[in-house]
Amino acid sequence: MPGVELHLMCIDDEAELERALWHGDADCGFLVAPAKRALKAIPLHDDPIMVLLPPDHALAHADHVPARTLAEEPFIQPRSRSMQEAEALLRNSGVKPRVRFAVDSDYNVMNMVSKGLGFSILPGLLLEDTVLPLAVLPPHLKMRREISIAMRSTDTASVATRAFVQTVRTWVAQRYEQR
């Protein structure tokens, strides 16, 4: 669109992103639903929560990872936004993990798992197109997170914001329909 400037902001903290949307510091943003504030959130993608194992693990080619594996093997705990999904899966499985490492970077978690230092749990979108050797399997309990694009209101959103949101929705739909 002529006359439109695009400014990209990287806000990893969900609460800070919601605050920026609510106060108009950002026009739209990608959130893991549900939003805590009364934002207009448009669902984009259901993202599966997956278990990462070293590529040579005995379960590398299994259909899923059983709960006993989550309880018995060393766990590399993500300390990023991904920690919430990992904790939810473990809690819902009734598992108290054997935490070997707690790591701030999801990419460092993946690297450590690929080197055989333990297993971890991360969202599927983070694992797409990774070049690291990993066995990525669903857990025994299927879990997902919903990725949304959010704004304060569709009524007050600019034409450019609404056009951007529609473009994102179309792109995501096309990308994930092909799979």
Protein backbone atom coordinates (compact mmCIF):
# COMPACT_ATOMS: atom_id res chain seq x y z
CA MET A 1 0.00 0.00 0.00
CA PRO A 2 1.42 3.37 -0.91
CA GLY A 3 2.17 5.65 2.01
CA VAL A 4 2.26 2.82 4.56
CA GLU A 5 5.32 2.31 6.73
CA LEU A 6 5.88 -1.09 8.29
CA HIS A 7 7.65 -1.24 11.65
CA LEU A 8 8.37 -4.69 13.03
CA MET A 9 8.84 -5.19 16.75
CA CYS A 10 10.02 -8.37 18.42
CA ILE A 11 8.23 -8.71 21.76
CA ASP A 12 8.76 -12.18 23.25
CA ASP A 13 6.87 -11.46 26.47
CA GLU A 14 3.16 -12.14 25.91
CA ALA A 15 2.04 -9.69 28.62
CA GLU A 16 4.18 -6.92 27.13
CA LEU A 17 2.85 -7.64 23.63
CA GLU A 18 -0.74 -7.51 24.88
CA ARG A 19 0.02 -4.22 26.63
CA ALA A 20 1.48 -2.79 23.41
CA LEU A 21 -1.63 -3.83 21.47
CA TRP A 22 -4.00 -2.52 24.12
CA HIS A 23 -2.27 0.87 24.32
CA GLY A 24 -1.84 1.27 20.57
CA ASP A 25 1.94 0.94 20.52
CA ALA A 26 1.47 -1.93 18.04
CA ASP A 27 -1.36 -2.39 15.54
CA CYS A 28 -1.36 -6.19 15.57
CA GLY A 29 0.71 -9.04 16.90
CA PHE A 30 1.01 -12.82 17.06
CA LEU A 31 -0.17 -14.38 20.33
CA VAL A 32 -0.67 -17.77 21.84
CA ALA A 33 -4.39 -17.83 22.69
CA PRO A 34 -6.16 -17.03 24.83
CA ALA A 35 -5.25 -13.40 25.29
CA LYS A 36 -5.53 -12.10 28.85
CA ARG A 37 -6.87 -8.73 27.68
CA ALA A 38 -10.05 -8.14 25.69
CA LEU A 39 -8.28 -8.13 22.32
CA LYS A 40 -9.71 -9.29 19.00
CA ALA A 41 -7.76 -12.50 18.40
CA ILE A 42 -8.15 -14.27 15.06
CA PRO A 43 -7.07 -17.94 15.11
CA LEU A 44 -4.38 -18.79 12.58
CA HIS A 45 -2.90 -22.19 13.40
CA ASP A 46 -3.21 -25.07 15.85
CA ASP A 47 0.38 -25.86 16.76
CA PRO A 48 1.07 -29.34 18.21
CA ILE A 49 3.27 -29.72 21.27
CA MET A 50 6.00 -32.24 20.48
CA VAL A 51 8.62 -34.26 22.32
CA LEU A 52 12.23 -34.02 21.13
CA LEU A 53 14.51 -37.00 21.49
CA PRO A 54 18.08 -37.57 20.32
CA PRO A 55 18.07 -39.01 16.78
CA ASP A 56 19.50 -42.35 17.94
CA HIS A 57 17.04 -42.79 20.84
CA ALA A 58 15.31 -46.18 21.10
CA LEU A 59 11.93 -44.44 20.58
CA ALA A 60 13.09 -42.31 17.62
CA HIS A 61 10.73 -44.12 15.24
CA ALA A 62 7.86 -44.80 17.65
CA ASP A 63 4.30 -43.51 17.13
CA HIS A 64 4.44 -41.44 20.33
CA VAL A 65 6.41 -40.94 23.52
CA PRO A 66 4.97 -42.72 26.58
CA ALA A 67 4.56 -40.97 29.93
CA ARG A 68 7.16 -43.23 31.59
CA THR A 69 9.82 -41.85 29.22
CA LEU A 70 8.90 -38.32 30.32
CA ALA A 71 9.28 -39.38 33.94
CA GLU A 72 12.44 -41.50 33.70
CA GLU A 73 14.76 -39.77 31.25
CA PRO A 74 16.76 -36.57 31.79
CA PHE A 75 14.71 -33.50 30.86
CA ILE A 76 16.12 -30.36 29.27
CA GLN A 77 13.68 -27.74 30.52
CA PRO A 78 13.00 -24.76 28.27
CA ARG A 79 12.94 -21.52 30.26
CA SER A 80 11.43 -19.54 27.42
CA ARG A 81 7.77 -19.03 26.48
CA SER A 82 7.82 -22.75 25.58
CA MET A 83 8.16 -23.62 29.28
CA GLN A 84 4.41 -23.17 29.80
CA GLU A 85 3.49 -25.80 27.21
CA ALA A 86 6.11 -28.22 28.51
CA GLU A 87 4.93 -27.80 32.10
CA ALA A 88 1.29 -28.28 31.06
CA LEU A 89 2.07 -31.53 29.24
CA LEU A 90 4.07 -32.89 32.17
CA ARG A 91 1.40 -31.84 34.70
CA ASN A 92 -1.42 -33.35 32.60
CA SER A 93 0.62 -36.57 32.35
CA GLY A 94 1.13 -36.73 36.11
CA VAL A 95 4.88 -36.61 35.56
CA LYS A 96 7.55 -34.96 37.70
CA PRO A 97 10.46 -34.66 35.28
CA ARG A 98 14.11 -35.32 36.09
CA VAL A 99 15.39 -31.86 35.13
CA ARG A 100 19.03 -32.09 34.03
CA PHE A 101 19.31 -28.60 32.52
CA ALA A 102 17.14 -25.46 32.45
CA VAL A 103 17.92 -23.47 29.31
CA ASP A 104 16.77 -19.99 28.24
CA SER A 105 17.03 -20.54 24.47
CA ASP A 106 14.77 -22.96 22.58
CA TYR A 107 17.51 -23.38 19.98
CA ASN A 108 20.03 -24.34 22.65
CA VAL A 109 17.47 -26.84 23.98
CA MET A 110 17.25 -28.40 20.49
CA ASN A 111 21.03 -28.52 20.18
CA MET A 112 21.43 -30.20 23.58
CA VAL A 113 18.78 -32.81 22.74
CA SER A 114 20.45 -33.50 19.38
CA LYS A 115 23.70 -34.18 21.27
CA GLY A 116 21.98 -36.80 23.46
CA LEU A 117 21.90 -34.85 26.74
CA GLY A 118 18.21 -35.57 27.36
CA PHE A 119 14.74 -34.97 25.94
CA SER A 120 12.61 -31.86 25.79
CA ILE A 121 9.18 -30.57 24.85
CA LEU A 122 8.63 -27.73 22.37
CA PRO A 123 5.90 -26.41 20.06
CA GLY A 124 5.90 -27.80 16.53
CA LEU A 125 6.34 -24.43 14.81
CA LEU A 126 9.74 -24.02 16.45
CA LEU A 127 10.82 -27.35 15.02
CA GLU A 128 9.95 -26.68 11.39
CA ASP A 129 12.92 -26.51 9.08
CA THR A 130 15.44 -27.26 11.81
CA VAL A 131 18.73 -28.58 10.49
CA LEU A 132 19.58 -30.29 13.78
CA PRO A 133 19.31 -34.08 13.92
CA LEU A 134 16.29 -34.69 16.17
CA ALA A 135 13.57 -37.28 16.60
CA VAL A 136 10.35 -35.27 16.91
CA LEU A 137 7.36 -37.27 18.15
CA PRO A 138 3.94 -36.55 19.57
CA PRO A 139 3.51 -37.20 23.29
CA HIS A 140 1.11 -39.86 24.57
CA LEU A 141 -1.35 -37.02 25.33
CA LYS A 142 -2.01 -34.85 22.31
CA MET A 143 -1.62 -31.16 23.15
CA ARG A 144 -1.83 -28.08 20.98
CA ARG A 145 -1.52 -24.34 21.30
CA GLU A 146 -3.49 -21.88 19.20
CA ILE A 147 -1.53 -19.19 17.41
CA SER A 148 -3.59 -16.06 16.72
CA ILE A 149 -3.09 -12.64 15.27
CA ALA A 150 -4.53 -10.04 17.60
CA MET A 151 -5.44 -6.38 17.59
CA ARG A 152 -7.30 -4.11 19.94
CA SER A 153 -10.38 -3.96 17.72
CA THR A 154 -11.30 -4.63 14.10
CA ASP A 155 -13.55 -1.55 14.23
CA THR A 156 -10.71 0.82 15.01
CA ALA A 157 -7.97 -0.96 13.02
CA SER A 158 -6.59 0.93 10.04
CA VAL A 159 -7.17 -0.24 6.51
CA ALA A 160 -3.49 -1.19 6.31
CA THR A 161 -3.74 -3.30 9.49
CA ARG A 162 -6.85 -5.09 8.27
CA ALA A 163 -5.15 -5.76 4.92
CA PHE A 164 -2.05 -7.10 6.69
CA VAL A 165 -4.16 -9.39 8.89
CA GLN A 166 -6.00 -10.73 5.85
CA THR A 167 -2.72 -11.33 4.02
CA VAL A 168 -1.35 -13.24 7.02
CA ARG A 169 -4.52 -15.35 7.28
CA THR A 170 -4.34 -16.23 3.58
CA TRP A 171 -0.63 -17.07 3.73
CA VAL A 172 -1.00 -19.28 6.83
CA ALA A 173 -4.02 -21.09 5.35
CA GLN A 174 -2.15 -21.80 2.10
CA ARG A 175 1.01 -22.94 3.87
CA TYR A 176 -0.73 -25.40 6.20
CA GLU A 177 -3.33 -26.67 3.73
CA GLN A 178 -0.45 -28.08 1.67
CA ARG A 179 0.61 -30.38 4.51
